[in-house]
Amino acid sequence: MIKRLTKFNSSWIKTITFDNGKEFAKHYEIAELLKVRTYFTRPYTSQDKGTVENRIGVIRRFILRKPT
Protein backbone atom coordinates (compact mmCIF):
# COMPACT_ATOMS: atom_id res chain seq x y z
CA MET A 1 0.00 0.00 0.00
CA ILE A 2 2.79 2.42 0.88
CA LYS A 3 4.66 1.60 -2.32
CA ARG A 4 1.63 2.40 -4.47
CA LEU A 5 0.48 5.50 -2.62
CA THR A 6 3.89 7.17 -2.61
CA LYS A 7 3.71 7.36 -6.42
CA PHE A 8 0.98 10.00 -6.17
CA ASN A 9 1.41 13.69 -5.58
CA SER A 10 1.12 14.13 -1.81
CA SER A 11 -1.41 16.94 -2.20
CA TRP A 12 -3.91 14.46 -3.70
CA ILE A 13 -4.16 12.31 -0.57
CA LYS A 14 -5.69 14.05 2.43
CA THR A 15 -7.14 11.17 4.47
CA ILE A 16 -7.34 7.39 4.34
CA THR A 17 -10.22 5.36 5.75
CA PHE A 18 -9.48 1.75 6.63
CA ASP A 19 -11.74 -1.20 7.12
CA ASN A 20 -11.62 -2.72 10.62
CA GLY A 21 -9.23 -5.57 9.96
CA LYS A 22 -6.00 -6.75 11.48
CA GLU A 23 -4.27 -6.23 8.12
CA PHE A 24 -4.28 -2.50 8.93
CA ALA A 25 -2.62 -2.87 12.33
CA LYS A 26 0.30 -0.67 11.26
CA HIS A 27 -1.88 2.16 9.95
CA TYR A 28 0.20 4.66 11.92
CA GLU A 29 3.23 3.93 9.71
CA ILE A 30 1.23 4.82 6.61
CA ALA A 31 -0.07 7.98 8.27
CA GLU A 32 3.42 9.13 9.27
CA LEU A 33 5.00 8.41 5.91
CA LEU A 34 2.28 10.05 3.81
CA LYS A 35 1.50 12.75 6.40
CA VAL A 36 -2.24 12.09 6.26
CA ARG A 37 -4.97 11.50 8.82
CA THR A 38 -6.31 7.98 9.04
CA TYR A 39 -9.77 6.83 10.06
CA PHE A 40 -11.53 3.52 10.60
CA THR A 41 -15.07 2.56 9.74
CA ARG A 42 -17.47 2.17 12.64
CA PRO A 43 -18.14 -1.48 13.43
CA TYR A 44 -21.50 -2.79 12.19
CA THR A 45 -22.23 0.40 10.24
CA SER A 46 -22.95 -0.70 6.70
CA GLN A 47 -22.89 2.77 5.13
CA ASP A 48 -19.26 3.27 6.18
CA LYS A 49 -18.27 -0.07 4.72
CA GLY A 50 -20.03 0.66 1.44
CA THR A 51 -18.27 3.99 1.06
CA VAL A 52 -14.88 2.41 1.69
CA GLU A 53 -15.56 -0.37 -0.81
CA ASN A 54 -16.72 2.18 -3.38
CA ARG A 55 -13.51 4.20 -3.00
CA ILE A 56 -11.39 1.07 -3.25
CA GLY A 57 -13.13 0.27 -6.53
CA VAL A 58 -12.41 3.77 -7.85
CA ILE A 59 -8.75 3.48 -6.84
CA ARG A 60 -8.39 0.08 -8.50
CA ARG A 61 -9.65 1.51 -11.78
CA PHE A 62 -6.76 3.95 -11.89
CA ILE A 63 -3.97 1.82 -10.37
CA LEU A 64 -3.38 -1.14 -12.59
CA ARG A 65 -2.13 -4.34 -11.03
CA LYS A 66 0.99 -5.92 -12.39
CA PRO A 67 0.67 -9.57 -13.39
CA THR A 68 2.24 -11.91 -10.86
C-alpha atoms as a PDB file:
ATOM      1  CA  MET A   1       0.000   0.000   0.000  1.00  0.00           C
ATOM      2  CA  ILE A   2       2.789   2.417   0.882  1.00  0.00           C
ATOM      3  CA  LYS A   3       4.657   1.599  -2.323  1.00  0.00           C
ATOM      4  CA  ARG A   4       1.634   2.401  -4.475  1.00  0.00           C
ATOM      5  CA  LEU A   5       0.479   5.501  -2.617  1.00  0.00           C
ATOM      6  CA  THR A   6       3.891   7.170  -2.607  1.00  0.00           C
ATOM      7  CA  LYS A   7       3.705   7.357  -6.420  1.00  0.00           C
ATOM      8  CA  PHE A   8       0.976  10.004  -6.173  1.00  0.00           C
ATOM      9  CA  ASN A   9       1.414  13.690  -5.584  1.00  0.00           C
ATOM     10  CA  SER A  10       1.124  14.133  -1.809  1.00  0.00           C
ATOM     11  CA  SER A  11      -1.409  16.942  -2.204  1.00  0.00           C
ATOM     12  CA  TRP A  12      -3.914  14.462  -3.699  1.00  0.00           C
ATOM     13  CA  ILE A  13      -4.162  12.307  -0.569  1.00  0.00           C
ATOM     14  CA  LYS A  14      -5.688  14.050   2.435  1.00  0.00           C
ATOM     15  CA  THR A  15      -7.136  11.166   4.468  1.00  0.00           C
ATOM     16  CA  ILE A  16      -7.335   7.392   4.340  1.00  0.00           C
ATOM     17  CA  THR A  17     -10.217   5.359   5.754  1.00  0.00           C
ATOM     18  CA  PHE A  18      -9.484   1.751   6.627  1.00  0.00           C
ATOM     19  CA  ASP A  19     -11.744  -1.202   7.119  1.00  0.00           C
ATOM     20  CA  ASN A  20     -11.623  -2.723  10.621  1.00  0.00           C
ATOM     21  CA  GLY A  21      -9.233  -5.565   9.958  1.00  0.00           C
ATOM     22  CA  LYS A  22      -5.999  -6.751  11.481  1.00  0.00           C
ATOM     23  CA  GLU A  23      -4.275  -6.235   8.121  1.00  0.00           C
ATOM     24  CA  PHE A  24      -4.282  -2.502   8.925  1.00  0.00           C
ATOM     25  CA  ALA A  25      -2.623  -2.867  12.327  1.00  0.00           C
ATOM     26  CA  LYS A  26       0.296  -0.668  11.258  1.00  0.00           C
ATOM     27  CA  HIS A  27      -1.875   2.156   9.953  1.00  0.00           C
ATOM     28  CA  TYR A  28       0.196   4.660  11.915  1.00  0.00           C
ATOM     29  CA  GLU A  29       3.229   3.935   9.709  1.00  0.00           C
ATOM     30  CA  ILE A  30       1.226   4.816   6.610  1.00  0.00           C
ATOM     31  CA  ALA A  31      -0.073   7.980   8.273  1.00  0.00           C
ATOM     32  CA  GLU A  32       3.418   9.128   9.266  1.00  0.00           C
ATOM     33  CA  LEU A  33       5.003   8.413   5.907  1.00  0.00           C
ATOM     34  CA  LEU A  34       2.277  10.045   3.813  1.00  0.00           C
ATOM     35  CA  LYS A  35       1.498  12.746   6.400  1.00  0.00           C
ATOM     36  CA  VAL A  36      -2.245  12.090   6.259  1.00  0.00           C
ATOM     37  CA  ARG A  37      -4.971  11.504   8.816  1.00  0.00           C
ATOM     38  CA  THR A  38      -6.307   7.976   9.044  1.00  0.00           C
ATOM     39  CA  TYR A  39      -9.767   6.833  10.063  1.00  0.00           C
ATOM     40  CA  PHE A  40     -11.531   3.522  10.596  1.00  0.00           C
ATOM     41  CA  THR A  41     -15.070   2.561   9.738  1.00  0.00           C
ATOM     42  CA  ARG A  42     -17.465   2.166  12.636  1.00  0.00           C
ATOM     43  CA  PRO A  43     -18.138  -1.485  13.429  1.00  0.00           C
ATOM     44  CA  TYR A  44     -21.495  -2.785  12.192  1.00  0.00           C
ATOM     45  CA  THR A  45     -22.226   0.398  10.237  1.00  0.00           C
ATOM     46  CA  SER A  46     -22.950  -0.696   6.704  1.00  0.00           C
ATOM     47  CA  GLN A  47     -22.895   2.771   5.125  1.00  0.00           C
ATOM     48  CA  ASP A  48     -19.257   3.271   6.181  1.00  0.00           C
ATOM     49  CA  LYS A  49     -18.267  -0.073   4.720  1.00  0.00           C
ATOM     50  CA  GLY A  50     -20.031   0.665   1.445  1.00  0.00           C
ATOM     51  CA  THR A  51     -18.269   3.992   1.062  1.00  0.00           C
ATOM     52  CA  VAL A  52     -14.877   2.414   1.688  1.00  0.00           C
ATOM     53  CA  GLU A  53     -15.558  -0.372  -0.810  1.00  0.00           C
ATOM     54  CA  ASN A  54     -16.725   2.176  -3.380  1.00  0.00           C
ATOM     55  CA  ARG A  55     -13.513   4.198  -3.000  1.00  0.00           C
ATOM     56  CA  ILE A  56     -11.390   1.067  -3.249  1.00  0.00           C
ATOM     57  CA  GLY A  57     -13.132   0.270  -6.531  1.00  0.00           C
ATOM     58  CA  VAL A  58     -12.408   3.769  -7.855  1.00  0.00           C
ATOM     59  CA  ILE A  59      -8.748   3.481  -6.844  1.00  0.00           C
ATOM     60  CA  ARG A  60      -8.394   0.081  -8.497  1.00  0.00           C
ATOM     61  CA  ARG A  61      -9.653   1.505 -11.776  1.00  0.00           C
ATOM     62  CA  PHE A  62      -6.759   3.946 -11.892  1.00  0.00           C
ATOM     63  CA  ILE A  63      -3.970   1.820 -10.374  1.00  0.00           C
ATOM     64  CA  LEU A  64      -3.379  -1.140 -12.594  1.00  0.00           C
ATOM     65  CA  ARG A  65      -2.133  -4.335 -11.027  1.00  0.00           C
ATOM     66  CA  LYS A  66       0.993  -5.916 -12.392  1.00  0.00           C
ATOM     67  CA  PRO A  67       0.674  -9.571 -13.386  1.00  0.00           C
ATOM     68  CA  THR A  68       2.242 -11.914 -10.858  1.00  0.00           C
END
